[in-house]
């Protein structure tokens, strides 16, 4: 059911500074920033050969990432994103098994323009999980 790891998301206070660190220190390509108002974040992607790192910065003081960064002032890994072929089938299978979908349970369009869902970290050893339909 779960496909490959699509990305690891890291919450940061300063997206431009974090992008520069990854680009300059590691010599990797970093996308330009773009806002996702529906998710309350601005993102940039660090492009790696086998996956991506999503740098996420709060978009406004009411962003869920703002609260996360208040609890993790140095920044931190926020979530793992896994690919699925059918997000609705994955949601049904996971909820039948006891996993909880965050929000209203309906997929939203994510940073790659594809449907995404988030699963409660309480059900996955403290890790927020994002599912992205490929």
C-alpha atoms as a PDB file:
ATOM      1  CA  UNK A   1       0.000   0.000   0.000  1.00  0.00           C
ATOM      2  CA  UNK A   2       2.710   2.521   0.961  1.00  0.00           C
ATOM      3  CA  UNK A   3       5.089   3.433  -1.827  1.00  0.00           C
ATOM      4  CA  UNK A   4       8.407   5.208  -1.666  1.00  0.00           C
ATOM      5  CA  UNK A   5       9.394   7.998   0.687  1.00  0.00           C
ATOM      6  CA  UNK A   6       8.509  11.187  -1.183  1.00  0.00           C
ATOM      7  CA  UNK A   7      10.038  13.696   1.222  1.00  0.00           C
ATOM      8  CA  UNK A   8      11.061  14.563   4.750  1.00  0.00           C
ATOM      9  CA  UNK A   9       9.664  17.927   5.884  1.00  0.00           C
ATOM     10  CA  UNK A  10      11.694  20.207   8.130  1.00  0.00           C
ATOM     11  CA  UNK A  11      10.089  23.210   9.840  1.00  0.00           C
ATOM     12  CA  UNK A  12      12.278  26.321   9.743  1.00  0.00           C
ATOM     13  CA  UNK A  13      11.966  29.921  10.919  1.00  0.00           C
ATOM     14  CA  UNK A  14      13.716  31.415   7.877  1.00  0.00           C
ATOM     15  CA  UNK A  15      13.147  29.652   4.581  1.00  0.00           C
ATOM     16  CA  UNK A  16      15.691  31.733   2.650  1.00  0.00           C
ATOM     17  CA  UNK A  17      18.436  31.059   5.196  1.00  0.00           C
ATOM     18  CA  UNK A  18      17.649  27.348   5.392  1.00  0.00           C
ATOM     19  CA  UNK A  19      17.584  27.086   1.589  1.00  0.00           C
ATOM     20  CA  UNK A  20      20.987  28.789   1.395  1.00  0.00           C
ATOM     21  CA  UNK A  21      22.477  26.371   3.929  1.00  0.00           C
ATOM     22  CA  UNK A  22      21.326  23.323   1.981  1.00  0.00           C
ATOM     23  CA  UNK A  23      22.348  24.828  -1.368  1.00  0.00           C
ATOM     24  CA  UNK A  24      25.731  26.217  -0.301  1.00  0.00           C
ATOM     25  CA  UNK A  25      26.901  23.713   2.302  1.00  0.00           C
ATOM     26  CA  UNK A  26      25.652  20.555   0.603  1.00  0.00           C
ATOM     27  CA  UNK A  27      25.769  21.704  -3.011  1.00  0.00           C
ATOM     28  CA  UNK A  28      22.234  20.585  -3.810  1.00  0.00           C
ATOM     29  CA  UNK A  29      19.518  22.193  -5.916  1.00  0.00           C
ATOM     30  CA  UNK A  30      16.813  23.996  -3.959  1.00  0.00           C
ATOM     31  CA  UNK A  31      13.572  25.141  -5.580  1.00  0.00           C
ATOM     32  CA  UNK A  32      12.321  28.662  -5.213  1.00  0.00           C
ATOM     33  CA  UNK A  33       9.863  29.281  -2.385  1.00  0.00           C
ATOM     34  CA  UNK A  34       6.121  29.122  -2.952  1.00  0.00           C
ATOM     35  CA  UNK A  35       3.181  29.736  -0.642  1.00  0.00           C
ATOM     36  CA  UNK A  36       0.506  27.167   0.169  1.00  0.00           C
ATOM     37  CA  UNK A  37      -2.139  29.281   1.919  1.00  0.00           C
ATOM     38  CA  UNK A  38      -4.467  26.286   2.378  1.00  0.00           C
ATOM     39  CA  UNK A  39      -1.788  24.639   4.521  1.00  0.00           C
ATOM     40  CA  UNK A  40      -0.504  27.830   6.167  1.00  0.00           C
ATOM     41  CA  UNK A  41       3.077  27.401   4.933  1.00  0.00           C
ATOM     42  CA  UNK A  42       5.656  28.564   2.445  1.00  0.00           C
ATOM     43  CA  UNK A  43       7.814  25.739   1.093  1.00  0.00           C
ATOM     44  CA  UNK A  44      10.964  25.057  -0.876  1.00  0.00           C
ATOM     45  CA  UNK A  45      12.206  21.638  -1.965  1.00  0.00           C
ATOM     46  CA  UNK A  46      15.754  20.378  -1.654  1.00  0.00           C
ATOM     47  CA  UNK A  47      16.172  18.039  -4.620  1.00  0.00           C
ATOM     48  CA  UNK A  48      18.144  14.868  -3.896  1.00  0.00           C
ATOM     49  CA  UNK A  49      18.828  11.923  -6.161  1.00  0.00           C
ATOM     50  CA  UNK A  50      16.583   9.522  -4.242  1.00  0.00           C
ATOM     51  CA  UNK A  51      14.052  11.806  -2.483  1.00  0.00           C
ATOM     52  CA  UNK A  52      13.375  15.409  -1.447  1.00  0.00           C
ATOM     53  CA  UNK A  53      13.563  17.507   1.684  1.00  0.00           C
ATOM     54  CA  UNK A  54      10.684  19.941   2.075  1.00  0.00           C
ATOM     55  CA  UNK A  55      11.641  23.074   3.999  1.00  0.00           C
ATOM     56  CA  UNK A  56       8.504  24.613   5.507  1.00  0.00           C
ATOM     57  CA  UNK A  57       8.137  28.068   7.004  1.00  0.00           C
ATOM     58  CA  UNK A  58       4.999  29.414   8.701  1.00  0.00           C
ATOM     59  CA  UNK A  59       2.765  31.545   6.489  1.00  0.00           C
ATOM     60  CA  UNK A  60       1.363  33.916   9.105  1.00  0.00           C
ATOM     61  CA  UNK A  61       1.149  33.719  12.860  1.00  0.00           C
ATOM     62  CA  UNK A  62      -1.806  31.294  12.804  1.00  0.00           C
ATOM     63  CA  UNK A  63       0.063  28.671  10.795  1.00  0.00           C
ATOM     64  CA  UNK A  64       0.192  25.246  12.471  1.00  0.00           C
ATOM     65  CA  UNK A  65       3.938  25.360  11.773  1.00  0.00           C
ATOM     66  CA  UNK A  66       4.252  28.507  13.933  1.00  0.00           C
ATOM     67  CA  UNK A  67       3.043  26.537  16.952  1.00  0.00           C
ATOM     68  CA  UNK A  68       5.353  23.643  16.076  1.00  0.00           C
ATOM     69  CA  UNK A  69       8.338  26.014  15.851  1.00  0.00           C
ATOM     70  CA  UNK A  70       7.403  27.624  19.172  1.00  0.00           C
ATOM     71  CA  UNK A  71       7.787  24.153  20.689  1.00  0.00           C
ATOM     72  CA  UNK A  72      10.937  23.454  18.606  1.00  0.00           C
ATOM     73  CA  UNK A  73      12.707  26.821  18.408  1.00  0.00           C
ATOM     74  CA  UNK A  74      15.740  25.478  16.535  1.00  0.00           C
ATOM     75  CA  UNK A  75      13.570  23.904  13.830  1.00  0.00           C
ATOM     76  CA  UNK A  76      12.910  20.179  13.540  1.00  0.00           C
ATOM     77  CA  UNK A  77      11.702  17.370  11.352  1.00  0.00           C
ATOM     78  CA  UNK A  78       7.961  17.930  11.013  1.00  0.00           C
ATOM     79  CA  UNK A  79       6.696  14.957   8.998  1.00  0.00           C
ATOM     80  CA  UNK A  80       7.448  12.115   6.610  1.00  0.00           C
ATOM     81  CA  UNK A  81       5.577  11.872   3.316  1.00  0.00           C
ATOM     82  CA  UNK A  82       4.904   8.528   1.652  1.00  0.00           C
ATOM     83  CA  UNK A  83       3.451   7.945  -1.781  1.00  0.00           C
ATOM     84  CA  UNK A  84       0.253   5.953  -2.312  1.00  0.00           C
ATOM     85  CA  UNK A  85      -1.440   4.942  -5.552  1.00  0.00           C
ATOM     86  CA  UNK A  86      -4.989   5.551  -4.276  1.00  0.00           C
ATOM     87  CA  UNK A  87      -5.307   7.956  -1.353  1.00  0.00           C
ATOM     88  CA  UNK A  88      -8.956   7.114  -0.625  1.00  0.00           C
ATOM     89  CA  UNK A  89      -8.268   3.381  -0.526  1.00  0.00           C
ATOM     90  CA  UNK A  90      -5.244   4.012   1.705  1.00  0.00           C
ATOM     91  CA  UNK A  91      -7.342   6.188   4.016  1.00  0.00           C
ATOM     92  CA  UNK A  92     -10.028   3.506   4.314  1.00  0.00           C
ATOM     93  CA  UNK A  93      -7.542   0.741   5.020  1.00  0.00           C
ATOM     94  CA  UNK A  94      -5.685   2.809   7.608  1.00  0.00           C
ATOM     95  CA  UNK A  95      -8.811   4.003   9.425  1.00  0.00           C
ATOM     96  CA  UNK A  96     -10.169   0.433   9.538  1.00  0.00           C
ATOM     97  CA  UNK A  97      -6.894  -0.441  11.270  1.00  0.00           C
ATOM     98  CA  UNK A  98      -7.367   2.332  13.840  1.00  0.00           C
ATOM     99  CA  UNK A  99      -5.273   5.155  12.368  1.00  0.00           C
ATOM    100  CA  UNK A 100      -6.698   8.647  12.655  1.00  0.00           C
ATOM    101  CA  UNK A 101      -6.749  11.090   9.762  1.00  0.00           C
ATOM    102  CA  UNK A 102      -6.256  14.707  10.784  1.00  0.00           C
ATOM    103  CA  UNK A 103      -8.622  17.504   9.798  1.00  0.00           C
ATOM    104  CA  UNK A 104     -11.917  16.654   8.163  1.00  0.00           C
ATOM    105  CA  UNK A 105     -10.532  13.445   6.615  1.00  0.00           C
ATOM    106  CA  UNK A 106     -10.804  14.709   3.045  1.00  0.00           C
ATOM    107  CA  UNK A 107      -7.684  15.032   0.901  1.00  0.00           C
ATOM    108  CA  UNK A 108      -6.348  18.522   0.188  1.00  0.00           C
ATOM    109  CA  UNK A 109      -4.092  19.515  -2.660  1.00  0.00           C
ATOM    110  CA  UNK A 110      -0.473  19.538  -1.495  1.00  0.00           C
ATOM    111  CA  UNK A 111       2.745  21.192  -2.620  1.00  0.00           C
ATOM    112  CA  UNK A 112       3.101  18.943  -5.679  1.00  0.00           C
ATOM    113  CA  UNK A 113      -0.458  19.651  -6.844  1.00  0.00           C
ATOM    114  CA  UNK A 114      -1.607  16.189  -5.769  1.00  0.00           C
ATOM    115  CA  UNK A 115      -4.051  15.021  -3.066  1.00  0.00           C
ATOM    116  CA  UNK A 116      -2.595  14.633   0.428  1.00  0.00           C
ATOM    117  CA  UNK A 117      -3.777  13.520   3.873  1.00  0.00           C
ATOM    118  CA  UNK A 118      -2.084  13.677   7.254  1.00  0.00           C
ATOM    119  CA  UNK A 119      -2.212  10.902   9.846  1.00  0.00           C
ATOM    120  CA  UNK A 120      -2.038  11.477  13.585  1.00  0.00           C
ATOM    121  CA  UNK A 121       1.443  11.167  15.064  1.00  0.00           C
ATOM    122  CA  UNK A 122      -0.170   9.441  18.058  1.00  0.00           C
ATOM    123  CA  UNK A 123      -0.732   6.427  15.819  1.00  0.00           C
ATOM    124  CA  UNK A 124       2.800   6.302  14.319  1.00  0.00           C
ATOM    125  CA  UNK A 125       5.306   6.388  17.173  1.00  0.00           C
ATOM    126  CA  UNK A 126       5.124  10.174  17.477  1.00  0.00           C
ATOM    127  CA  UNK A 127       5.685  10.866  13.772  1.00  0.00           C
ATOM    128  CA  UNK A 128       3.286  12.919  11.662  1.00  0.00           C
ATOM    129  CA  UNK A 129       2.721  11.044   8.400  1.00  0.00           C
ATOM    130  CA  UNK A 130       1.619  12.615   5.133  1.00  0.00           C
ATOM    131  CA  UNK A 131       0.220  10.469   2.333  1.00  0.00           C
ATOM    132  CA  UNK A 132       0.449  11.804  -1.215  1.00  0.00           C
ATOM    133  CA  UNK A 133      -1.362  10.227  -4.125  1.00  0.00           C
ATOM    134  CA  UNK A 134       0.964   9.722  -7.079  1.00  0.00           C
END
